[in-house]
Amino acid sequence: GTIGAGWWDVECHGDTPPWQEMQQRHPVFYAKWRQDPLRRRFPGGESYMDVIQRLEGVLVEVEMSTRPVLLVSHISVLQLFVAYFKGVP
């Protein structure tokens, strides 16, 4: 599964999901997601916590590296790495 698999992959462009449009199109899911955005699974996909757990091994390797590291991935994965290294919850 992937975060964002759904209508916004096809209809929306940009670096961040269209939260306002999600609220309008899927108000029930949006309300549940707002209660726990880290653990709420996206329809047909995974939660941010699922991604974090899946990437834990890579994260450890990056942290242990003594040389510069280049990460190439999907935007959601890169956003999680940036948030982690900036200390943003």
N, C-alpha and C. Protein backbone atom coordinates (compact mmCIF):
# COMPACT_ATOMS: atom_id res chain seq x y z
N GLY A 1 0.81 -1.19 0.00
CA GLY A 1 0.00 0.00 0.00
C GLY A 1 0.85 1.25 0.00
N THR A 2 0.23 2.34 -0.35
CA THR A 2 0.94 3.61 -0.36
C THR A 2 0.07 4.70 0.22
N ILE A 3 0.69 5.65 0.84
CA ILE A 3 -0.06 6.82 1.29
C ILE A 3 -0.46 7.60 0.06
N GLY A 4 -1.71 7.99 -0.02
CA GLY A 4 -2.17 8.82 -1.11
C GLY A 4 -2.71 8.06 -2.30
N ALA A 5 -2.74 6.74 -2.26
CA ALA A 5 -3.28 6.00 -3.39
C ALA A 5 -4.77 6.30 -3.48
N GLY A 6 -5.17 7.00 -4.49
CA GLY A 6 -6.58 7.34 -4.61
C GLY A 6 -6.78 8.53 -5.53
N TRP A 7 -7.90 9.23 -5.34
CA TRP A 7 -8.30 10.29 -6.25
C TRP A 7 -7.27 11.40 -6.37
N TRP A 8 -6.56 11.76 -5.28
CA TRP A 8 -5.68 12.92 -5.41
C TRP A 8 -4.42 12.61 -6.21
N ASP A 9 -4.06 11.32 -6.34
CA ASP A 9 -2.93 10.97 -7.20
C ASP A 9 -3.23 11.32 -8.66
N VAL A 10 -4.50 11.23 -9.01
CA VAL A 10 -4.90 11.47 -10.39
C VAL A 10 -5.29 12.92 -10.62
N GLU A 11 -6.04 13.52 -9.70
CA GLU A 11 -6.63 14.83 -9.91
C GLU A 11 -5.84 16.00 -9.35
N CYS A 12 -4.96 15.75 -8.42
CA CYS A 12 -4.27 16.85 -7.73
C CYS A 12 -2.77 16.77 -7.96
N HIS A 13 -2.16 17.92 -8.03
CA HIS A 13 -0.72 17.99 -8.23
C HIS A 13 -0.12 18.89 -7.17
N GLY A 14 1.05 18.57 -6.74
CA GLY A 14 1.72 19.37 -5.72
C GLY A 14 2.41 18.48 -4.71
N ASP A 15 3.07 19.11 -3.77
CA ASP A 15 3.86 18.38 -2.80
C ASP A 15 3.10 17.98 -1.55
N THR A 16 1.92 18.53 -1.34
CA THR A 16 1.15 18.20 -0.15
C THR A 16 -0.24 17.73 -0.55
N PRO A 17 -0.78 16.79 0.21
CA PRO A 17 -2.14 16.32 -0.08
C PRO A 17 -3.15 17.46 0.07
N PRO A 18 -4.21 17.43 -0.71
CA PRO A 18 -5.24 18.48 -0.66
C PRO A 18 -6.21 18.25 0.51
N TRP A 19 -5.79 18.63 1.71
CA TRP A 19 -6.57 18.34 2.90
C TRP A 19 -7.97 18.95 2.85
N GLN A 20 -8.11 20.19 2.37
CA GLN A 20 -9.44 20.81 2.33
C GLN A 20 -10.38 20.05 1.39
N GLU A 21 -9.85 19.63 0.27
CA GLU A 21 -10.69 18.87 -0.65
C GLU A 21 -11.05 17.50 -0.07
N MET A 22 -10.11 16.88 0.64
CA MET A 22 -10.42 15.61 1.29
C MET A 22 -11.54 15.80 2.30
N GLN A 23 -11.50 16.90 3.04
CA GLN A 23 -12.54 17.18 4.03
C GLN A 23 -13.91 17.30 3.35
N GLN A 24 -13.96 17.88 2.16
CA GLN A 24 -15.22 18.04 1.44
C GLN A 24 -15.69 16.72 0.83
N ARG A 25 -14.77 15.98 0.22
CA ARG A 25 -15.15 14.75 -0.47
C ARG A 25 -15.40 13.58 0.48
N HIS A 26 -14.63 13.52 1.57
CA HIS A 26 -14.69 12.37 2.48
C HIS A 26 -14.74 12.85 3.93
N PRO A 27 -15.83 13.52 4.32
CA PRO A 27 -15.88 14.13 5.66
C PRO A 27 -15.76 13.12 6.81
N VAL A 28 -16.29 11.93 6.66
CA VAL A 28 -16.21 10.93 7.73
C VAL A 28 -14.76 10.48 7.91
N PHE A 29 -14.11 10.13 6.80
CA PHE A 29 -12.70 9.73 6.90
C PHE A 29 -11.85 10.89 7.44
N TYR A 30 -12.08 12.08 6.94
CA TYR A 30 -11.29 13.23 7.36
C TYR A 30 -11.41 13.46 8.87
N ALA A 31 -12.60 13.35 9.40
CA ALA A 31 -12.80 13.53 10.85
C ALA A 31 -12.03 12.48 11.64
N LYS A 32 -12.07 11.23 11.18
CA LYS A 32 -11.33 10.17 11.85
C LYS A 32 -9.82 10.39 11.70
N TRP A 33 -9.38 10.82 10.54
CA TRP A 33 -7.96 11.08 10.30
C TRP A 33 -7.46 12.21 11.20
N ARG A 34 -8.26 13.25 11.39
CA ARG A 34 -7.85 14.37 12.24
C ARG A 34 -7.68 13.94 13.70
N GLN A 35 -8.41 12.93 14.12
CA GLN A 35 -8.29 12.43 15.49
C GLN A 35 -6.94 11.74 15.72
N ASP A 36 -6.41 11.08 14.69
CA ASP A 36 -5.14 10.36 14.83
C ASP A 36 -4.44 10.28 13.47
N PRO A 37 -3.88 11.40 12.99
CA PRO A 37 -3.28 11.41 11.66
C PRO A 37 -2.07 10.49 11.51
N LEU A 38 -1.40 10.18 12.59
CA LEU A 38 -0.23 9.31 12.51
C LEU A 38 -0.60 7.85 12.27
N ARG A 39 -1.73 7.41 12.84
CA ARG A 39 -2.08 5.99 12.78
C ARG A 39 -3.28 5.65 11.88
N ARG A 40 -4.03 6.65 11.44
CA ARG A 40 -5.21 6.40 10.60
C ARG A 40 -4.75 5.96 9.21
N ARG A 41 -5.20 4.81 8.79
CA ARG A 41 -4.83 4.31 7.46
C ARG A 41 -5.69 4.99 6.40
N PHE A 42 -5.03 5.36 5.32
CA PHE A 42 -5.74 5.91 4.18
C PHE A 42 -6.46 4.78 3.47
N PRO A 43 -7.64 5.05 2.89
CA PRO A 43 -8.39 3.99 2.21
C PRO A 43 -7.53 3.31 1.14
N GLY A 44 -7.39 2.00 1.24
CA GLY A 44 -6.61 1.25 0.27
C GLY A 44 -5.11 1.44 0.42
N GLY A 45 -4.68 2.04 1.54
CA GLY A 45 -3.25 2.31 1.70
C GLY A 45 -2.79 2.07 3.11
N GLU A 46 -1.83 2.88 3.52
CA GLU A 46 -1.24 2.70 4.84
C GLU A 46 -1.22 4.02 5.59
N SER A 47 -0.93 3.93 6.86
CA SER A 47 -0.84 5.12 7.69
C SER A 47 0.59 5.64 7.67
N TYR A 48 0.78 6.84 8.20
CA TYR A 48 2.14 7.35 8.33
C TYR A 48 2.96 6.45 9.26
N MET A 49 2.33 5.92 10.31
CA MET A 49 3.04 5.02 11.22
C MET A 49 3.46 3.74 10.51
N ASP A 50 2.62 3.23 9.61
CA ASP A 50 3.00 2.06 8.82
C ASP A 50 4.27 2.35 8.03
N VAL A 51 4.33 3.51 7.42
CA VAL A 51 5.50 3.89 6.62
C VAL A 51 6.73 4.02 7.51
N ILE A 52 6.56 4.67 8.66
CA ILE A 52 7.67 4.84 9.60
C ILE A 52 8.23 3.48 10.01
N GLN A 53 7.35 2.55 10.35
CA GLN A 53 7.81 1.23 10.77
C GLN A 53 8.51 0.50 9.62
N ARG A 54 7.99 0.67 8.41
CA ARG A 54 8.60 0.02 7.25
C ARG A 54 9.98 0.59 6.95
N LEU A 55 10.18 1.87 7.27
CA LEU A 55 11.43 2.54 6.95
C LEU A 55 12.44 2.52 8.09
N GLU A 56 12.10 1.90 9.20
CA GLU A 56 12.97 1.95 10.37
C GLU A 56 14.39 1.48 10.08
N GLY A 57 14.54 0.39 9.34
CA GLY A 57 15.87 -0.12 9.01
C GLY A 57 16.68 0.86 8.18
N VAL A 58 16.03 1.50 7.22
CA VAL A 58 16.70 2.50 6.39
C VAL A 58 17.11 3.69 7.24
N LEU A 59 16.23 4.10 8.13
CA LEU A 59 16.51 5.23 9.01
C LEU A 59 17.75 4.97 9.86
N VAL A 60 17.85 3.77 10.41
CA VAL A 60 19.01 3.41 11.22
C VAL A 60 20.28 3.48 10.37
N GLU A 61 20.21 2.96 9.15
CA GLU A 61 21.38 3.00 8.26
C GLU A 61 21.79 4.44 7.94
N VAL A 62 20.82 5.30 7.71
CA VAL A 62 21.12 6.71 7.42
C VAL A 62 21.76 7.37 8.65
N GLU A 63 21.19 7.13 9.81
CA GLU A 63 21.74 7.71 11.04
C GLU A 63 23.16 7.24 11.32
N MET A 64 23.47 6.00 10.99
CA MET A 64 24.79 5.44 11.27
C MET A 64 25.83 5.82 10.22
N SER A 65 25.39 6.33 9.11
CA SER A 65 26.32 6.66 8.03
C SER A 65 27.26 7.80 8.44
N THR A 66 28.51 7.64 8.11
CA THR A 66 29.50 8.68 8.39
C THR A 66 29.79 9.52 7.15
N ARG A 67 29.14 9.21 6.05
CA ARG A 67 29.29 9.96 4.81
C ARG A 67 27.94 10.52 4.41
N PRO A 68 27.91 11.54 3.55
CA PRO A 68 26.62 12.08 3.08
C PRO A 68 25.78 10.98 2.43
N VAL A 69 24.47 11.09 2.59
CA VAL A 69 23.53 10.10 2.06
C VAL A 69 22.54 10.81 1.15
N LEU A 70 22.25 10.21 0.02
CA LEU A 70 21.23 10.71 -0.89
C LEU A 70 20.05 9.76 -0.85
N LEU A 71 18.87 10.28 -0.47
CA LEU A 71 17.65 9.49 -0.44
C LEU A 71 16.80 9.86 -1.64
N VAL A 72 16.37 8.86 -2.39
CA VAL A 72 15.48 9.07 -3.52
C VAL A 72 14.25 8.21 -3.27
N SER A 73 13.09 8.86 -3.21
CA SER A 73 11.88 8.12 -2.88
C SER A 73 10.65 8.94 -3.24
N HIS A 74 9.50 8.45 -2.83
CA HIS A 74 8.24 9.17 -2.99
C HIS A 74 8.18 10.32 -2.00
N ILE A 75 7.38 11.32 -2.31
CA ILE A 75 7.31 12.53 -1.50
C ILE A 75 6.92 12.25 -0.05
N SER A 76 5.97 11.35 0.19
CA SER A 76 5.54 11.07 1.56
C SER A 76 6.68 10.50 2.39
N VAL A 77 7.47 9.62 1.81
CA VAL A 77 8.61 9.04 2.51
C VAL A 77 9.64 10.13 2.82
N LEU A 78 9.92 10.97 1.84
CA LEU A 78 10.89 12.05 2.05
C LEU A 78 10.41 13.03 3.11
N GLN A 79 9.11 13.32 3.12
CA GLN A 79 8.56 14.22 4.14
C GLN A 79 8.73 13.63 5.53
N LEU A 80 8.55 12.33 5.66
CA LEU A 80 8.73 11.69 6.96
C LEU A 80 10.19 11.75 7.41
N PHE A 81 11.12 11.54 6.48
CA PHE A 81 12.53 11.64 6.83
C PHE A 81 12.89 13.07 7.25
N VAL A 82 12.42 14.05 6.52
CA VAL A 82 12.70 15.45 6.86
C VAL A 82 12.13 15.77 8.23
N ALA A 83 10.90 15.37 8.49
CA ALA A 83 10.28 15.62 9.79
C ALA A 83 11.09 14.96 10.91
N TYR A 84 11.54 13.74 10.69
CA TYR A 84 12.31 13.04 11.70
C TYR A 84 13.62 13.79 12.02
N PHE A 85 14.35 14.15 10.98
CA PHE A 85 15.65 14.79 11.20
C PHE A 85 15.53 16.24 11.69
N LYS A 86 14.39 16.87 11.46
CA LYS A 86 14.16 18.20 12.01
C LYS A 86 13.57 18.13 13.42
N GLY A 87 13.17 16.95 13.84
CA GLY A 87 12.56 16.80 15.16
C GLY A 87 11.13 17.28 15.23
N VAL A 88 10.45 17.25 14.09
CA VAL A 88 9.05 17.70 14.02
C VAL A 88 8.15 16.49 14.26
N PRO A 89 7.21 16.59 15.20
CA PRO A 89 6.32 15.44 15.46
C PRO A 89 5.37 15.15 14.31
